[in-house]
Amino acid sequence: MTRRILQAVRRHAAVAALAVSCLALTASFTGAADAARDALRSAVSKPRPNAVLKLGKNAKFPASAIPKVGSARRADRLGSLRAVDVTDSCDAITVDLG
């Protein structure tokens, strides 16, 4: 049974390869390649809806392009206090550890 399947695949592989290559040639002549090239040329550095975003010099998305989720926005504060309000402000040598 598997021998029959392998023979059928081998028999039709050339036809499938020819069909894929004709499809690729047709797509390159219809302007689909030009549209894809233009979309990449019009990449933006600031996030906009339905636009391609450029990567930074480190090959990553800029931090400003990724929005903060709601729980992270709430994590910036502790109730009505900010991080500056709850951190220690005394000098390390003034603390008696023993």
N, C-alpha and C. Protein backbone atom coordinates (compact mmCIF):
# COMPACT_ATOMS: atom_id res chain seq x y z
N MET A 1 0.82 -1.20 0.00
CA MET A 1 0.00 0.00 0.00
C MET A 1 0.86 1.25 0.00
N THR A 2 1.89 1.29 0.86
CA THR A 2 2.73 2.48 0.92
C THR A 2 3.54 2.66 -0.35
N ARG A 3 3.88 1.56 -1.00
CA ARG A 3 4.62 1.64 -2.26
C ARG A 3 3.78 2.32 -3.33
N ARG A 4 2.50 2.04 -3.34
CA ARG A 4 1.59 2.68 -4.32
C ARG A 4 1.50 4.18 -4.07
N ILE A 5 1.43 4.55 -2.79
CA ILE A 5 1.33 5.97 -2.44
C ILE A 5 2.60 6.71 -2.86
N LEU A 6 3.76 6.10 -2.59
CA LEU A 6 5.03 6.73 -2.96
C LEU A 6 5.14 6.89 -4.47
N GLN A 7 4.70 5.90 -5.21
CA GLN A 7 4.74 6.00 -6.67
C GLN A 7 3.81 7.10 -7.16
N ALA A 8 2.64 7.24 -6.55
CA ALA A 8 1.70 8.28 -6.95
C ALA A 8 2.26 9.67 -6.63
N VAL A 9 2.90 9.81 -5.48
CA VAL A 9 3.50 11.10 -5.11
C VAL A 9 4.62 11.45 -6.08
N ARG A 10 5.46 10.49 -6.40
CA ARG A 10 6.55 10.73 -7.34
C ARG A 10 6.03 11.11 -8.72
N ARG A 11 4.95 10.50 -9.13
CA ARG A 11 4.37 10.76 -10.44
C ARG A 11 3.81 12.18 -10.53
N HIS A 12 3.24 12.68 -9.43
CA HIS A 12 2.58 13.97 -9.45
C HIS A 12 3.43 15.11 -8.89
N ALA A 13 4.62 14.82 -8.40
CA ALA A 13 5.47 15.86 -7.80
C ALA A 13 5.89 16.89 -8.84
N ALA A 14 6.20 16.47 -10.03
CA ALA A 14 6.63 17.41 -11.08
C ALA A 14 5.49 18.34 -11.46
N VAL A 15 4.29 17.81 -11.55
CA VAL A 15 3.13 18.62 -11.91
C VAL A 15 2.86 19.65 -10.81
N ALA A 16 2.97 19.24 -9.56
CA ALA A 16 2.74 20.17 -8.45
C ALA A 16 3.81 21.26 -8.43
N ALA A 17 5.06 20.91 -8.68
CA ALA A 17 6.13 21.91 -8.71
C ALA A 17 5.92 22.89 -9.86
N LEU A 18 5.47 22.42 -10.99
CA LEU A 18 5.19 23.30 -12.13
C LEU A 18 4.04 24.24 -11.81
N ALA A 19 3.00 23.75 -11.14
CA ALA A 19 1.86 24.59 -10.78
C ALA A 19 2.27 25.69 -9.79
N VAL A 20 3.10 25.35 -8.81
CA VAL A 20 3.56 26.34 -7.82
C VAL A 20 4.43 27.39 -8.50
N SER A 21 5.31 26.97 -9.40
CA SER A 21 6.17 27.95 -10.07
C SER A 21 5.36 28.86 -10.99
N CYS A 22 4.35 28.34 -11.67
CA CYS A 22 3.49 29.19 -12.51
C CYS A 22 2.70 30.19 -11.67
N LEU A 23 2.23 29.75 -10.52
CA LEU A 23 1.51 30.64 -9.62
C LEU A 23 2.42 31.76 -9.12
N ALA A 24 3.67 31.44 -8.78
CA ALA A 24 4.62 32.45 -8.31
C ALA A 24 4.95 33.44 -9.43
N LEU A 25 5.10 32.95 -10.65
CA LEU A 25 5.38 33.83 -11.79
C LEU A 25 4.21 34.76 -12.06
N THR A 26 3.00 34.23 -11.98
CA THR A 26 1.80 35.05 -12.20
C THR A 26 1.67 36.12 -11.12
N ALA A 27 1.93 35.76 -9.88
CA ALA A 27 1.84 36.73 -8.79
C ALA A 27 2.88 37.83 -8.93
N SER A 28 4.05 37.50 -9.46
CA SER A 28 5.08 38.53 -9.63
C SER A 28 4.72 39.50 -10.75
N PHE A 29 3.96 39.06 -11.74
CA PHE A 29 3.57 39.95 -12.83
C PHE A 29 2.33 40.79 -12.51
N THR A 30 1.52 40.37 -11.57
CA THR A 30 0.27 41.07 -11.30
C THR A 30 0.42 42.29 -10.42
N GLY A 31 1.58 42.51 -9.84
CA GLY A 31 1.77 43.66 -8.98
C GLY A 31 1.72 43.33 -7.51
N ALA A 32 1.50 42.08 -7.17
CA ALA A 32 1.48 41.69 -5.76
C ALA A 32 2.85 41.89 -5.14
N ALA A 33 3.90 41.63 -5.91
CA ALA A 33 5.26 41.82 -5.40
C ALA A 33 5.54 43.30 -5.18
N ASP A 34 5.06 44.16 -6.09
CA ASP A 34 5.25 45.60 -5.92
C ASP A 34 4.50 46.12 -4.71
N ALA A 35 3.31 45.60 -4.46
CA ALA A 35 2.53 46.04 -3.30
C ALA A 35 3.23 45.64 -2.01
N ALA A 36 3.80 44.45 -1.97
CA ALA A 36 4.52 44.02 -0.78
C ALA A 36 5.77 44.86 -0.57
N ARG A 37 6.46 45.19 -1.65
CA ARG A 37 7.66 46.02 -1.55
C ARG A 37 7.31 47.42 -1.07
N ASP A 38 6.22 47.98 -1.57
CA ASP A 38 5.78 49.31 -1.13
C ASP A 38 5.36 49.31 0.33
N ALA A 39 4.74 48.24 0.78
CA ALA A 39 4.32 48.15 2.18
C ALA A 39 5.53 48.16 3.10
N LEU A 40 6.61 47.50 2.68
CA LEU A 40 7.81 47.48 3.51
C LEU A 40 8.55 48.81 3.45
N ARG A 41 8.46 49.51 2.34
CA ARG A 41 9.11 50.82 2.23
C ARG A 41 8.41 51.85 3.09
N SER A 42 7.14 51.69 3.29
CA SER A 42 6.38 52.69 4.05
C SER A 42 6.27 52.32 5.53
N ALA A 43 7.29 51.67 6.04
CA ALA A 43 7.30 51.31 7.47
C ALA A 43 7.45 52.58 8.30
N VAL A 44 6.76 52.63 9.42
CA VAL A 44 6.76 53.84 10.26
C VAL A 44 7.53 53.57 11.55
N SER A 45 8.04 54.65 12.13
CA SER A 45 8.79 54.49 13.38
C SER A 45 7.90 54.69 14.60
N LYS A 46 6.74 55.34 14.43
CA LYS A 46 5.78 55.49 15.52
C LYS A 46 4.59 54.59 15.21
N PRO A 47 4.07 53.90 16.21
CA PRO A 47 2.97 52.95 15.94
C PRO A 47 1.71 53.65 15.45
N ARG A 48 1.18 53.14 14.36
CA ARG A 48 -0.08 53.61 13.79
C ARG A 48 -0.92 52.40 13.43
N PRO A 49 -2.24 52.55 13.40
CA PRO A 49 -3.07 51.40 13.03
C PRO A 49 -2.81 50.97 11.58
N ASN A 50 -2.77 49.68 11.35
CA ASN A 50 -2.60 49.08 10.03
C ASN A 50 -1.32 49.52 9.34
N ALA A 51 -0.25 49.73 10.08
CA ALA A 51 1.02 50.12 9.50
C ALA A 51 2.10 49.13 9.95
N VAL A 52 3.16 49.06 9.15
CA VAL A 52 4.28 48.20 9.49
C VAL A 52 5.24 49.01 10.35
N LEU A 53 5.61 48.47 11.51
CA LEU A 53 6.46 49.18 12.46
C LEU A 53 7.91 48.79 12.26
N LYS A 54 8.79 49.81 12.15
CA LYS A 54 10.22 49.57 12.01
C LYS A 54 10.79 49.06 13.33
N LEU A 55 11.79 48.21 13.23
CA LEU A 55 12.50 47.75 14.41
C LEU A 55 13.58 48.76 14.75
N GLY A 56 13.99 48.77 16.02
CA GLY A 56 15.04 49.67 16.44
C GLY A 56 16.41 49.15 16.00
N LYS A 57 17.47 49.87 16.38
CA LYS A 57 18.82 49.47 15.99
C LYS A 57 19.22 48.15 16.63
N ASN A 58 18.59 47.80 17.76
CA ASN A 58 18.88 46.54 18.42
C ASN A 58 17.98 45.41 17.90
N ALA A 59 17.29 45.63 16.79
CA ALA A 59 16.42 44.64 16.14
C ALA A 59 15.24 44.23 17.01
N LYS A 60 14.76 45.15 17.85
CA LYS A 60 13.59 44.89 18.67
C LYS A 60 12.60 46.03 18.49
N PHE A 61 11.35 45.80 18.87
CA PHE A 61 10.37 46.87 18.84
C PHE A 61 10.72 47.91 19.89
N PRO A 62 10.51 49.19 19.60
CA PRO A 62 10.76 50.21 20.62
C PRO A 62 9.79 50.03 21.79
N ALA A 63 10.25 50.35 22.99
CA ALA A 63 9.41 50.17 24.18
C ALA A 63 8.17 51.04 24.12
N SER A 64 8.27 52.18 23.46
CA SER A 64 7.11 53.08 23.37
C SER A 64 6.01 52.51 22.48
N ALA A 65 6.34 51.52 21.66
CA ALA A 65 5.35 50.95 20.75
C ALA A 65 4.46 49.92 21.43
N ILE A 66 4.89 49.41 22.57
CA ILE A 66 4.14 48.37 23.25
C ILE A 66 3.40 49.01 24.42
N PRO A 67 2.07 49.00 24.39
CA PRO A 67 1.32 49.67 25.46
C PRO A 67 1.40 48.91 26.77
N LYS A 68 1.23 49.64 27.85
CA LYS A 68 1.19 49.02 29.18
C LYS A 68 -0.19 48.44 29.42
N VAL A 69 -0.23 47.28 29.98
CA VAL A 69 -1.52 46.68 30.32
C VAL A 69 -2.04 47.31 31.60
N GLY A 70 -3.32 47.17 31.86
CA GLY A 70 -3.95 47.80 33.01
C GLY A 70 -3.34 47.42 34.34
N SER A 71 -3.00 46.15 34.52
CA SER A 71 -2.43 45.74 35.80
C SER A 71 -1.04 46.33 36.01
N ALA A 72 -0.29 46.56 34.94
CA ALA A 72 1.03 47.17 35.09
C ALA A 72 0.88 48.66 35.42
N ARG A 73 -0.15 49.30 34.90
CA ARG A 73 -0.38 50.71 35.23
C ARG A 73 -0.72 50.85 36.71
N ARG A 74 -1.50 49.90 37.22
CA ARG A 74 -1.85 49.94 38.64
C ARG A 74 -0.65 49.59 39.51
N ALA A 75 0.30 48.83 38.99
CA ALA A 75 1.46 48.41 39.77
C ALA A 75 2.44 49.55 39.97
N ASP A 76 2.32 50.63 39.20
CA ASP A 76 3.20 51.77 39.38
C ASP A 76 2.91 52.50 40.69
N ARG A 77 1.74 52.30 41.24
CA ARG A 77 1.34 52.98 42.48
C ARG A 77 0.95 51.95 43.54
N LEU A 78 1.07 52.35 44.78
CA LEU A 78 0.63 51.53 45.90
C LEU A 78 -0.47 52.32 46.59
N GLY A 79 -1.69 52.07 46.18
CA GLY A 79 -2.82 52.88 46.64
C GLY A 79 -2.69 54.27 46.05
N SER A 80 -2.55 55.27 46.92
CA SER A 80 -2.36 56.63 46.43
C SER A 80 -0.88 57.03 46.48
N LEU A 81 0.00 56.11 46.90
CA LEU A 81 1.43 56.41 47.03
C LEU A 81 2.18 56.00 45.77
N ARG A 82 3.22 56.76 45.47
CA ARG A 82 4.10 56.42 44.37
C ARG A 82 5.29 55.64 44.90
N ALA A 83 6.14 55.16 44.01
CA ALA A 83 7.31 54.39 44.41
C ALA A 83 8.27 55.26 45.22
N VAL A 84 8.37 56.52 44.90
CA VAL A 84 9.26 57.44 45.62
C VAL A 84 8.79 57.60 47.06
N ASP A 85 7.49 57.57 47.31
CA ASP A 85 6.95 57.76 48.65
C ASP A 85 7.23 56.58 49.57
N VAL A 86 7.37 55.39 49.04
CA VAL A 86 7.52 54.21 49.88
C VAL A 86 8.94 53.68 49.96
N THR A 87 9.89 54.26 49.26
CA THR A 87 11.27 53.80 49.34
C THR A 87 11.98 54.49 50.49
N ASP A 88 12.97 53.79 51.04
CA ASP A 88 13.74 54.37 52.14
C ASP A 88 14.57 55.53 51.64
N SER A 89 14.63 56.56 52.45
CA SER A 89 15.42 57.73 52.06
C SER A 89 16.55 58.01 53.02
N CYS A 90 16.77 57.12 54.01
CA CYS A 90 17.85 57.37 54.96
C CYS A 90 19.16 56.80 54.43
N ASP A 91 20.23 57.37 54.86
CA ASP A 91 21.56 56.95 54.41
C ASP A 91 21.89 55.60 55.03
N ALA A 92 22.67 54.77 54.34
CA ALA A 92 22.99 53.43 54.81
C ALA A 92 23.85 53.45 56.07
N ILE A 93 24.66 54.46 56.26
CA ILE A 93 25.53 54.48 57.45
C ILE A 93 24.80 54.97 58.69
N THR A 94 23.63 55.53 58.55
CA THR A 94 22.89 56.00 59.72
C THR A 94 22.03 54.90 60.33
N VAL A 95 21.92 53.76 59.69
CA VAL A 95 21.08 52.67 60.19
C VAL A 95 21.89 51.81 61.16
N ASP A 96 21.33 51.51 62.34
CA ASP A 96 22.00 50.66 63.32
C ASP A 96 21.51 49.24 63.13
N LEU A 97 22.38 48.37 62.68
CA LEU A 97 22.01 46.97 62.41
C LEU A 97 22.26 46.05 63.59
N GLY A 98 22.80 46.50 64.63
CA GLY A 98 23.12 45.57 65.69
C GLY A 98 22.82 46.08 66.99
